[in-house]
Amino acid sequence: MRKRFRISELHLLLAPPAVWLTLFFVAPLLIVLVFSVSPQDVNGGVLRGFTLEHYRRIIDPLYLGIMLQSLAVAAITTIITLLLAYPVAYYMAFAAPRTKKILIFLVILPFWTNFLVRMYSFVAILGTDGVVNLVLLKLGVIHEPLQLLHNTFAVYVGFVYGNLPYMIMPIFAALDRMNTSLLEASMDLGAGPVRTFWKITLPYSYSGVAAGIVFVFIPTLGNFVVPEILGGADNVIIGNLINRQFLTSRNWPFGSALSTMLVFGLMVVITIYIRYFDPMGKKRLTTG
């Protein structure tokens, strides 16, 4: 009886998140999946039936090129973000407690402002009459305004800025748990700062780096706000393509097929991360 009570109690605890996930994750995903294999109405609706035409359309050179460009943009953004975030996370992890708290506060401070508002602020910063051009003109560095907006440069600036906290915090969390006596032992045994970093610090932070890569790469692939606001006509990625299929072209089945491909591709990335990089995930797989 006691064992039965524990099982029913566990089921009660799991019921709210299970219902939430079913209603707001599983059900919408199933709807999108059904739409993706349904014929398109001439007026933009969805007809009853079954077809794989929308998936065949994805391999068209035009859309395949957009998908490859999306992967390239996400990969480059992730690399730039990692190179900028790692030194910040490293400094935060080994800073004094008071300084560490201040830096954590500054890293999460941008989340107090809506993401859309932050992206629009770059229009005022990078525009022809923006802050950057005005400062450079005042200093005499340039003689006419630079085109810093509505191009690839602006897209990368927006993506890197928006994703930096998601890269900094996992790396900081990994380094903050490090036993500093390992660093002292390495130095005592004759290893210099550079070798200690490559042999001790960097391997210890691999889990945080892997988590940061997932947190940056995945949202960048599906993001359409940054290219729409800061990018130009040539800066279309898969997120923009999906958005336009639903809102502009009214081709819901094709947009659903693109969304399904994106979701399952991202699920593969997450599975790889859990299998090979997440310590808790590897522990669960081993014990299971």
C-alpha atoms as a PDB file:
ATOM      1  CA  MET A   1       0.000   0.000   0.000  1.00  0.00           C
ATOM      2  CA  ARG A   2       2.791   2.398   0.837  1.00  0.00           C
ATOM      3  CA  LYS A   3       4.487   1.739  -2.513  1.00  0.00           C
ATOM      4  CA  ARG A   4       1.225   2.364  -4.350  1.00  0.00           C
ATOM      5  CA  PHE A   5       0.760   5.629  -2.466  1.00  0.00           C
ATOM      6  CA  ARG A   6       4.248   6.774  -3.475  1.00  0.00           C
ATOM      7  CA  ILE A   7       3.596   5.954  -7.127  1.00  0.00           C
ATOM      8  CA  SER A   8       0.274   7.807  -7.179  1.00  0.00           C
ATOM      9  CA  GLU A   9       1.883  10.752  -5.388  1.00  0.00           C
ATOM     10  CA  LEU A  10       4.626  10.851  -8.017  1.00  0.00           C
ATOM     11  CA  HIS A  11       1.996  10.781 -10.759  1.00  0.00           C
ATOM     12  CA  LEU A  12       0.232  13.739  -9.156  1.00  0.00           C
ATOM     13  CA  LEU A  13       3.477  15.682  -9.076  1.00  0.00           C
ATOM     14  CA  LEU A  14       4.188  14.891 -12.729  1.00  0.00           C
ATOM     15  CA  ALA A  15       0.665  15.630 -13.936  1.00  0.00           C
ATOM     16  CA  PRO A  16       0.885  19.468 -14.206  1.00  0.00           C
ATOM     17  CA  PRO A  17       4.135  19.569 -16.254  1.00  0.00           C
ATOM     18  CA  ALA A  18       2.911  16.621 -18.352  1.00  0.00           C
ATOM     19  CA  VAL A  19      -0.340  18.415 -19.177  1.00  0.00           C
ATOM     20  CA  TRP A  20       1.542  21.632 -19.897  1.00  0.00           C
ATOM     21  CA  LEU A  21       3.994  19.915 -22.270  1.00  0.00           C
ATOM     22  CA  THR A  22       1.185  18.039 -23.995  1.00  0.00           C
ATOM     23  CA  LEU A  23      -0.911  21.151 -24.593  1.00  0.00           C
ATOM     24  CA  PHE A  24       1.822  23.589 -25.539  1.00  0.00           C
ATOM     25  CA  PHE A  25       4.541  21.384 -27.075  1.00  0.00           C
ATOM     26  CA  VAL A  26       3.314  17.979 -28.231  1.00  0.00           C
ATOM     27  CA  ALA A  27      -0.083  19.119 -29.564  1.00  0.00           C
ATOM     28  CA  PRO A  28       1.248  22.102 -31.593  1.00  0.00           C
ATOM     29  CA  LEU A  29       4.058  19.933 -32.942  1.00  0.00           C
ATOM     30  CA  LEU A  30       1.563  17.298 -34.073  1.00  0.00           C
ATOM     31  CA  ILE A  31      -0.590  19.968 -35.737  1.00  0.00           C
ATOM     32  CA  VAL A  32       2.432  21.319 -37.623  1.00  0.00           C
ATOM     33  CA  LEU A  33       3.390  17.769 -38.603  1.00  0.00           C
ATOM     34  CA  VAL A  34      -0.112  17.095 -39.989  1.00  0.00           C
ATOM     35  CA  PHE A  35      -0.102  20.403 -41.879  1.00  0.00           C
ATOM     36  CA  SER A  36       3.288  19.573 -43.401  1.00  0.00           C
ATOM     37  CA  VAL A  37       1.886  16.485 -45.174  1.00  0.00           C
ATOM     38  CA  SER A  38      -1.406  18.104 -46.194  1.00  0.00           C
ATOM     39  CA  PRO A  39      -2.155  19.575 -49.644  1.00  0.00           C
ATOM     40  CA  GLN A  40      -2.302  23.365 -49.956  1.00  0.00           C
ATOM     41  CA  ASP A  41      -5.517  25.159 -50.785  1.00  0.00           C
ATOM     42  CA  VAL A  42      -5.308  27.713 -53.612  1.00  0.00           C
ATOM     43  CA  ASN A  43      -6.424  30.369 -51.122  1.00  0.00           C
ATOM     44  CA  GLY A  44      -3.651  29.515 -48.693  1.00  0.00           C
ATOM     45  CA  GLY A  45      -5.505  27.089 -46.500  1.00  0.00           C
ATOM     46  CA  VAL A  46      -4.891  23.427 -45.721  1.00  0.00           C
ATOM     47  CA  LEU A  47      -6.801  20.608 -47.432  1.00  0.00           C
ATOM     48  CA  ARG A  48      -7.404  17.070 -46.254  1.00  0.00           C
ATOM     49  CA  GLY A  49      -5.098  14.524 -47.800  1.00  0.00           C
ATOM     50  CA  PHE A  50      -1.521  13.331 -47.768  1.00  0.00           C
ATOM     51  CA  THR A  51       1.455  14.578 -49.775  1.00  0.00           C
ATOM     52  CA  LEU A  52       5.226  14.783 -49.427  1.00  0.00           C
ATOM     53  CA  GLU A  53       5.501  17.528 -52.024  1.00  0.00           C
ATOM     54  CA  HIS A  54       6.356  20.162 -49.420  1.00  0.00           C
ATOM     55  CA  TYR A  55       9.325  18.122 -48.188  1.00  0.00           C
ATOM     56  CA  ARG A  56      10.509  17.572 -51.752  1.00  0.00           C
ATOM     57  CA  ARG A  57      10.330  21.335 -52.260  1.00  0.00           C
ATOM     58  CA  ILE A  58      12.799  21.893 -49.419  1.00  0.00           C
ATOM     59  CA  ILE A  59      15.638  20.376 -51.479  1.00  0.00           C
ATOM     60  CA  ASP A  60      15.052  22.946 -54.230  1.00  0.00           C
ATOM     61  CA  PRO A  61      18.357  24.831 -54.767  1.00  0.00           C
ATOM     62  CA  LEU A  62      16.752  28.106 -53.644  1.00  0.00           C
ATOM     63  CA  TYR A  63      15.555  26.810 -50.273  1.00  0.00           C
ATOM     64  CA  LEU A  64      18.511  24.496 -49.815  1.00  0.00           C
ATOM     65  CA  GLY A  65      20.772  27.529 -50.239  1.00  0.00           C
ATOM     66  CA  ILE A  66      18.835  29.411 -47.561  1.00  0.00           C
ATOM     67  CA  MET A  67      19.178  26.468 -45.180  1.00  0.00           C
ATOM     68  CA  LEU A  68      22.924  26.234 -45.777  1.00  0.00           C
ATOM     69  CA  GLN A  69      23.227  29.993 -45.288  1.00  0.00           C
ATOM     70  CA  SER A  70      21.286  29.656 -42.038  1.00  0.00           C
ATOM     71  CA  LEU A  71      23.691  26.988 -40.790  1.00  0.00           C
ATOM     72  CA  ALA A  72      26.666  29.174 -41.745  1.00  0.00           C
ATOM     73  CA  VAL A  73      25.227  32.234 -39.971  1.00  0.00           C
ATOM     74  CA  ALA A  74      24.430  30.206 -36.844  1.00  0.00           C
ATOM     75  CA  ALA A  75      27.884  28.597 -36.827  1.00  0.00           C
ATOM     76  CA  ILE A  76      29.762  31.887 -37.311  1.00  0.00           C
ATOM     77  CA  THR A  77      27.613  33.600 -34.682  1.00  0.00           C
ATOM     78  CA  THR A  78      28.325  30.771 -32.243  1.00  0.00           C
ATOM     79  CA  ILE A  79      32.088  30.958 -32.840  1.00  0.00           C
ATOM     80  CA  ILE A  80      32.226  34.751 -32.424  1.00  0.00           C
ATOM     81  CA  THR A  81      30.051  34.599 -29.319  1.00  0.00           C
ATOM     82  CA  LEU A  82      32.252  31.877 -27.803  1.00  0.00           C
ATOM     83  CA  LEU A  83      35.441  33.856 -28.433  1.00  0.00           C
ATOM     84  CA  LEU A  84      33.956  36.930 -26.769  1.00  0.00           C
ATOM     85  CA  ALA A  85      32.179  35.136 -23.927  1.00  0.00           C
ATOM     86  CA  TYR A  86      34.945  32.840 -22.707  1.00  0.00           C
ATOM     87  CA  PRO A  87      37.296  35.580 -21.385  1.00  0.00           C
ATOM     88  CA  VAL A  88      34.354  37.266 -19.644  1.00  0.00           C
ATOM     89  CA  ALA A  89      33.209  34.011 -18.053  1.00  0.00           C
ATOM     90  CA  TYR A  90      36.780  33.174 -17.052  1.00  0.00           C
ATOM     91  CA  TYR A  91      37.252  36.536 -15.349  1.00  0.00           C
ATOM     92  CA  MET A  92      33.879  36.248 -13.604  1.00  0.00           C
ATOM     93  CA  ALA A  93      34.641  32.755 -12.276  1.00  0.00           C
ATOM     94  CA  PHE A  94      37.903  33.783 -10.607  1.00  0.00           C
ATOM     95  CA  ALA A  95      36.911  37.302  -9.547  1.00  0.00           C
ATOM     96  CA  ALA A  96      36.331  38.396  -5.970  1.00  0.00           C
ATOM     97  CA  PRO A  97      32.847  37.528  -4.615  1.00  0.00           C
ATOM     98  CA  ARG A  98      31.605  41.139  -4.704  1.00  0.00           C
ATOM     99  CA  THR A  99      32.940  41.706  -8.219  1.00  0.00           C
ATOM    100  CA  LYS A 100      31.449  38.390  -9.325  1.00  0.00           C
ATOM    101  CA  LYS A 101      27.972  39.435  -8.164  1.00  0.00           C
ATOM    102  CA  ILE A 102      28.234  42.765  -9.970  1.00  0.00           C
ATOM    103  CA  LEU A 103      29.343  41.091 -13.206  1.00  0.00           C
ATOM    104  CA  ILE A 104      26.534  38.520 -13.037  1.00  0.00           C
ATOM    105  CA  PHE A 105      24.064  41.360 -12.578  1.00  0.00           C
ATOM    106  CA  LEU A 106      25.479  43.195 -15.605  1.00  0.00           C
ATOM    107  CA  VAL A 107      25.316  40.049 -17.760  1.00  0.00           C
ATOM    108  CA  ILE A 108      21.642  39.405 -17.003  1.00  0.00           C
ATOM    109  CA  LEU A 109      20.670  43.105 -17.044  1.00  0.00           C
ATOM    110  CA  PRO A 110      19.734  43.116 -20.786  1.00  0.00           C
ATOM    111  CA  PHE A 111      16.991  40.562 -20.055  1.00  0.00           C
ATOM    112  CA  TRP A 112      15.114  43.308 -18.234  1.00  0.00           C
ATOM    113  CA  THR A 113      14.379  44.873 -21.624  1.00  0.00           C
ATOM    114  CA  ASN A 114      12.325  43.285 -24.383  1.00  0.00           C
ATOM    115  CA  PHE A 115      14.446  41.616 -27.085  1.00  0.00           C
ATOM    116  CA  LEU A 116      12.593  43.464 -29.852  1.00  0.00           C
ATOM    117  CA  VAL A 117      13.295  46.830 -28.218  1.00  0.00           C
ATOM    118  CA  ARG A 118      16.984  45.959 -27.885  1.00  0.00           C
ATOM    119  CA  MET A 119      17.217  45.078 -31.573  1.00  0.00           C
ATOM    120  CA  TYR A 120      15.503  48.309 -32.603  1.00  0.00           C
ATOM    121  CA  SER A 121      17.998  50.226 -30.471  1.00  0.00           C
ATOM    122  CA  PHE A 122      20.720  49.106 -32.904  1.00  0.00           C
ATOM    123  CA  VAL A 123      18.961  51.081 -35.630  1.00  0.00           C
ATOM    124  CA  ALA A 124      19.782  54.211 -33.636  1.00  0.00           C
ATOM    125  CA  ILE A 125      23.293  52.966 -32.911  1.00  0.00           C
ATOM    126  CA  LEU A 126      24.341  51.705 -36.357  1.00  0.00           C
ATOM    127  CA  GLY A 127      22.215  53.913 -38.621  1.00  0.00           C
ATOM    128  CA  THR A 128      23.561  56.581 -40.963  1.00  0.00           C
ATOM    129  CA  ASP A 129      22.782  59.209 -38.324  1.00  0.00           C
ATOM    130  CA  GLY A 130      23.483  56.788 -35.498  1.00  0.00           C
ATOM    131  CA  VAL A 131      25.792  57.034 -32.544  1.00  0.00           C
ATOM    132  CA  VAL A 132      28.704  55.140 -34.127  1.00  0.00           C
ATOM    133  CA  ASN A 133      28.786  57.239 -37.293  1.00  0.00           C
ATOM    134  CA  LEU A 134      28.396  60.506 -35.382  1.00  0.00           C
ATOM    135  CA  VAL A 135      31.305  59.669 -33.076  1.00  0.00           C
ATOM    136  CA  LEU A 136      33.561  58.596 -35.966  1.00  0.00           C
ATOM    137  CA  LEU A 137      32.690  61.760 -37.901  1.00  0.00           C
ATOM    138  CA  LYS A 138      33.397  63.949 -34.880  1.00  0.00           C
ATOM    139  CA  LEU A 139      36.775  62.266 -34.375  1.00  0.00           C
ATOM    140  CA  GLY A 140      37.641  62.692 -38.046  1.00  0.00           C
ATOM    141  CA  VAL A 141      38.129  58.956 -38.558  1.00  0.00           C
ATOM    142  CA  ILE A 142      35.677  58.965 -41.476  1.00  0.00           C
ATOM    143  CA  HIS A 143      34.459  61.727 -43.797  1.00  0.00           C
ATOM    144  CA  GLU A 144      31.079  60.242 -44.688  1.00  0.00           C
ATOM    145  CA  PRO A 145      28.755  57.883 -42.795  1.00  0.00           C
ATOM    146  CA  LEU A 146      29.437  54.161 -43.020  1.00  0.00           C
ATOM    147  CA  GLN A 147      26.755  51.707 -44.078  1.00  0.00           C
ATOM    148  CA  LEU A 148      26.571  49.704 -40.861  1.00  0.00           C
ATOM    149  CA  LEU A 149      22.888  48.807 -41.045  1.00  0.00           C
ATOM    150  CA  HIS A 150      20.828  46.448 -43.228  1.00  0.00           C
ATOM    151  CA  ASN A 151      23.752  44.191 -44.065  1.00  0.00           C
ATOM    152  CA  THR A 152      25.464  41.021 -42.844  1.00  0.00           C
ATOM    153  CA  PHE A 153      27.617  42.942 -40.362  1.00  0.00           C
ATOM    154  CA  ALA A 154      24.536  44.290 -38.557  1.00  0.00           C
ATOM    155  CA  VAL A 155      22.982  40.813 -38.436  1.00  0.00           C
ATOM    156  CA  TYR A 156      26.055  39.355 -36.735  1.00  0.00           C
ATOM    157  CA  VAL A 157      26.199  42.284 -34.306  1.00  0.00           C
ATOM    158  CA  GLY A 158      22.565  41.700 -33.335  1.00  0.00           C
ATOM    159  CA  PHE A 159      22.959  37.944 -33.001  1.00  0.00           C
ATOM    160  CA  VAL A 160      26.178  38.115 -30.985  1.00  0.00           C
ATOM    161  CA  TYR A 161      24.817  40.810 -28.678  1.00  0.00           C
ATOM    162  CA  GLY A 162      21.576  38.925 -28.070  1.00  0.00           C
ATOM    163  CA  ASN A 163      23.286  35.579 -27.451  1.00  0.00           C
ATOM    164  CA  LEU A 164      26.264  36.617 -25.314  1.00  0.00           C
ATOM    165  CA  PRO A 165      24.554  35.989 -21.944  1.00  0.00           C
ATOM    166  CA  TYR A 166      23.535  32.501 -23.067  1.00  0.00           C
ATOM    167  CA  MET A 167      27.172  31.682 -23.740  1.00  0.00           C
ATOM    168  CA  ILE A 168      28.686  33.456 -20.750  1.00  0.00           C
ATOM    169  CA  MET A 169      26.529  31.929 -18.018  1.00  0.00           C
ATOM    170  CA  PRO A 170      27.048  28.190 -18.785  1.00  0.00           C
ATOM    171  CA  ILE A 171      30.812  28.656 -19.119  1.00  0.00           C
ATOM    172  CA  PHE A 172      30.877  30.688 -15.914  1.00  0.00           C
ATOM    173  CA  ALA A 173      28.868  28.002 -14.111  1.00  0.00           C
ATOM    174  CA  ALA A 174      31.327  25.307 -15.231  1.00  0.00           C
ATOM    175  CA  LEU A 175      34.412  27.301 -14.243  1.00  0.00           C
ATOM    176  CA  ASP A 176      32.900  28.482 -10.969  1.00  0.00           C
ATOM    177  CA  ARG A 177      32.638  24.853  -9.804  1.00  0.00           C
ATOM    178  CA  MET A 178      36.308  24.218 -10.504  1.00  0.00           C
ATOM    179  CA  ASN A 179      38.526  23.200  -7.606  1.00  0.00           C
ATOM    180  CA  THR A 180      41.200  25.898  -7.639  1.00  0.00           C
ATOM    181  CA  SER A 181      43.637  23.549  -5.915  1.00  0.00           C
ATOM    182  CA  LEU A 182      44.014  21.832  -9.306  1.00  0.00           C
ATOM    183  CA  LEU A 183      45.408  25.059 -10.736  1.00  0.00           C
ATOM    184  CA  GLU A 184      47.755  25.494  -7.793  1.00  0.00           C
ATOM    185  CA  ALA A 185      48.978  21.904  -8.131  1.00  0.00           C
ATOM    186  CA  SER A 186      49.598  22.382 -11.841  1.00  0.00           C
ATOM    187  CA  MET A 187      51.637  25.521 -11.203  1.00  0.00           C
ATOM    188  CA  ASP A 188      53.573  23.843  -8.381  1.00  0.00           C
ATOM    189  CA  LEU A 189      54.495  20.988 -10.721  1.00  0.00           C
ATOM    190  CA  GLY A 190      56.110  23.415 -13.152  1.00  0.00           C
ATOM    191  CA  ALA A 191      53.330  24.089 -15.656  1.00  0.00           C
ATOM    192  CA  GLY A 192      53.050  27.724 -16.684  1.00  0.00           C
ATOM    193  CA  PRO A 193      49.787  29.693 -16.906  1.00  0.00           C
ATOM    194  CA  VAL A 194      49.280  28.839 -20.594  1.00  0.00           C
ATOM    195  CA  ARG A 195      49.810  25.114 -20.147  1.00  0.00           C
ATOM    196  CA  THR A 196      47.656  25.083 -17.022  1.00  0.00           C
ATOM    197  CA  PHE A 197      44.854  26.710 -18.975  1.00  0.00           C
ATOM    198  CA  TRP A 198      45.054  24.211 -21.868  1.00  0.00           C
ATOM    199  CA  LYS A 199      45.454  21.134 -19.668  1.00  0.00           C
ATOM    200  CA  ILE A 200      43.238  21.971 -16.680  1.00  0.00           C
ATOM    201  CA  THR A 201      40.937  24.960 -17.140  1.00  0.00           C
ATOM    202  CA  LEU A 202      39.774  24.463 -20.716  1.00  0.00           C
ATOM    203  CA  PRO A 203      38.924  20.740 -20.375  1.00  0.00           C
ATOM    204  CA  TYR A 204      37.073  21.488 -17.144  1.00  0.00           C
ATOM    205  CA  SER A 205      34.897  24.036 -18.975  1.00  0.00           C
ATOM    206  CA  TYR A 206      33.950  21.726 -21.875  1.00  0.00           C
ATOM    207  CA  SER A 207      30.480  21.023 -20.474  1.00  0.00           C
ATOM    208  CA  GLY A 208      29.763  24.759 -20.160  1.00  0.00           C
ATOM    209  CA  VAL A 209      31.115  25.459 -23.641  1.00  0.00           C
ATOM    210  CA  ALA A 210      28.961  22.686 -25.105  1.00  0.00           C
ATOM    211  CA  ALA A 211      25.871  24.017 -23.318  1.00  0.00           C
ATOM    212  CA  GLY A 212      26.607  27.554 -24.523  1.00  0.00           C
ATOM    213  CA  ILE A 213      27.015  26.349 -28.111  1.00  0.00           C
ATOM    214  CA  VAL A 214      23.614  24.654 -27.955  1.00  0.00           C
ATOM    215  CA  PHE A 215      21.982  27.710 -26.335  1.00  0.00           C
ATOM    216  CA  VAL A 216      23.357  30.008 -29.055  1.00  0.00           C
ATOM    217  CA  PHE A 217      23.275  27.830 -32.169  1.00  0.00           C
ATOM    218  CA  ILE A 218      19.674  26.637 -31.814  1.00  0.00           C
ATOM    219  CA  PRO A 219      17.947  30.013 -31.192  1.00  0.00           C
ATOM    220  CA  THR A 220      19.997  31.644 -33.952  1.00  0.00           C
ATOM    221  CA  LEU A 221      18.726  29.145 -36.528  1.00  0.00           C
ATOM    222  CA  GLY A 222      15.092  29.899 -35.774  1.00  0.00           C
ATOM    223  CA  ASN A 223      15.451  33.629 -35.137  1.00  0.00           C
ATOM    224  CA  PHE A 224      13.774  35.916 -37.680  1.00  0.00           C
ATOM    225  CA  VAL A 225      13.639  39.185 -35.728  1.00  0.00           C
ATOM    226  CA  VAL A 226      17.315  40.116 -36.100  1.00  0.00           C
ATOM    227  CA  PRO A 227      17.544  39.625 -39.904  1.00  0.00           C
ATOM    228  CA  GLU A 228      14.218  41.401 -40.410  1.00  0.00           C
ATOM    229  CA  ILE A 229      15.250  44.498 -38.427  1.00  0.00           C
ATOM    230  CA  LEU A 230      19.000  44.689 -39.008  1.00  0.00           C
ATOM    231  CA  GLY A 231      19.550  42.645 -42.179  1.00  0.00           C
ATOM    232  CA  GLY A 232      19.061  43.338 -45.848  1.00  0.00           C
ATOM    233  CA  ALA A 233      17.497  41.479 -48.738  1.00  0.00           C
ATOM    234  CA  ASP A 234      20.397  39.009 -48.858  1.00  0.00           C
ATOM    235  CA  ASN A 235      20.191  38.136 -45.158  1.00  0.00           C
ATOM    236  CA  VAL A 236      17.343  35.633 -45.218  1.00  0.00           C
ATOM    237  CA  ILE A 237      17.687  32.593 -42.970  1.00  0.00           C
ATOM    238  CA  ILE A 238      15.352  29.724 -42.242  1.00  0.00           C
ATOM    239  CA  GLY A 239      13.504  31.645 -39.517  1.00  0.00           C
ATOM    240  CA  ASN A 240      12.612  34.432 -41.958  1.00  0.00           C
ATOM    241  CA  LEU A 241      11.567  31.891 -44.584  1.00  0.00           C
ATOM    242  CA  ILE A 242       9.193  30.138 -42.170  1.00  0.00           C
ATOM    243  CA  ASN A 243       7.778  33.439 -40.960  1.00  0.00           C
ATOM    244  CA  ARG A 244       7.073  34.605 -44.510  1.00  0.00           C
ATOM    245  CA  GLN A 245       5.421  31.310 -45.481  1.00  0.00           C
ATOM    246  CA  PHE A 246       2.887  31.692 -42.681  1.00  0.00           C
ATOM    247  CA  LEU A 247       2.292  35.454 -42.712  1.00  0.00           C
ATOM    248  CA  THR A 248       3.056  36.630 -46.259  1.00  0.00           C
ATOM    249  CA  SER A 249       2.805  33.764 -48.734  1.00  0.00           C
ATOM    250  CA  ARG A 250       0.080  32.020 -46.693  1.00  0.00           C
ATOM    251  CA  ASN A 251       1.576  28.647 -47.575  1.00  0.00           C
ATOM    252  CA  TRP A 252       0.985  26.935 -44.240  1.00  0.00           C
ATOM    253  CA  PRO A 253       1.833  23.390 -45.405  1.00  0.00           C
ATOM    254  CA  PHE A 254       5.250  24.402 -46.762  1.00  0.00           C
ATOM    255  CA  GLY A 255       5.937  26.548 -43.703  1.00  0.00           C
ATOM    256  CA  SER A 256       4.973  23.575 -41.529  1.00  0.00           C
ATOM    257  CA  ALA A 257       7.325  21.295 -43.477  1.00  0.00           C
ATOM    258  CA  LEU A 258      10.182  23.760 -42.944  1.00  0.00           C
ATOM    259  CA  SER A 259       9.310  24.025 -39.242  1.00  0.00           C
ATOM    260  CA  THR A 260       9.193  20.244 -38.877  1.00  0.00           C
ATOM    261  CA  MET A 261      12.584  19.834 -40.516  1.00  0.00           C
ATOM    262  CA  LEU A 262      14.027  22.531 -38.261  1.00  0.00           C
ATOM    263  CA  VAL A 263      12.549  21.034 -35.082  1.00  0.00           C
ATOM    264  CA  PHE A 264      13.767  17.513 -35.799  1.00  0.00           C
ATOM    265  CA  GLY A 265      17.189  18.797 -36.817  1.00  0.00           C
ATOM    266  CA  LEU A 266      17.459  20.689 -33.540  1.00  0.00           C
ATOM    267  CA  MET A 267      16.303  17.620 -31.622  1.00  0.00           C
ATOM    268  CA  VAL A 268      19.247  15.729 -33.137  1.00  0.00           C
ATOM    269  CA  VAL A 269      21.623  18.473 -31.948  1.00  0.00           C
ATOM    270  CA  ILE A 270      20.133  18.395 -28.438  1.00  0.00           C
ATOM    271  CA  THR A 271      20.338  14.583 -28.328  1.00  0.00           C
ATOM    272  CA  ILE A 272      24.007  14.694 -29.283  1.00  0.00           C
ATOM    273  CA  TYR A 273      24.650  17.268 -26.563  1.00  0.00           C
ATOM    274  CA  ILE A 274      22.885  15.185 -23.897  1.00  0.00           C
ATOM    275  CA  ARG A 275      24.623  12.004 -25.027  1.00  0.00           C
ATOM    276  CA  TYR A 276      28.183  13.272 -25.191  1.00  0.00           C
ATOM    277  CA  PHE A 277      28.497  16.566 -23.259  1.00  0.00           C
ATOM    278  CA  ASP A 278      25.861  16.894 -20.546  1.00  0.00           C
ATOM    279  CA  PRO A 279      27.199  15.219 -17.346  1.00  0.00           C
ATOM    280  CA  MET A 280      23.691  14.541 -16.005  1.00  0.00           C
ATOM    281  CA  GLY A 281      22.585  13.179 -19.372  1.00  0.00           C
ATOM    282  CA  LYS A 282      25.551  10.805 -19.577  1.00  0.00           C
ATOM    283  CA  LYS A 283      24.855   9.681 -16.021  1.00  0.00           C
ATOM    284  CA  ARG A 284      21.220   8.959 -16.854  1.00  0.00           C
ATOM    285  CA  LEU A 285      22.177   7.023 -19.975  1.00  0.00           C
ATOM    286  CA  THR A 286      24.772   5.009 -18.043  1.00  0.00           C
ATOM    287  CA  THR A 287      22.494   4.139 -15.129  1.00  0.00           C
ATOM    288  CA  GLY A 288      19.600   3.460 -17.492  1.00  0.00           C
END
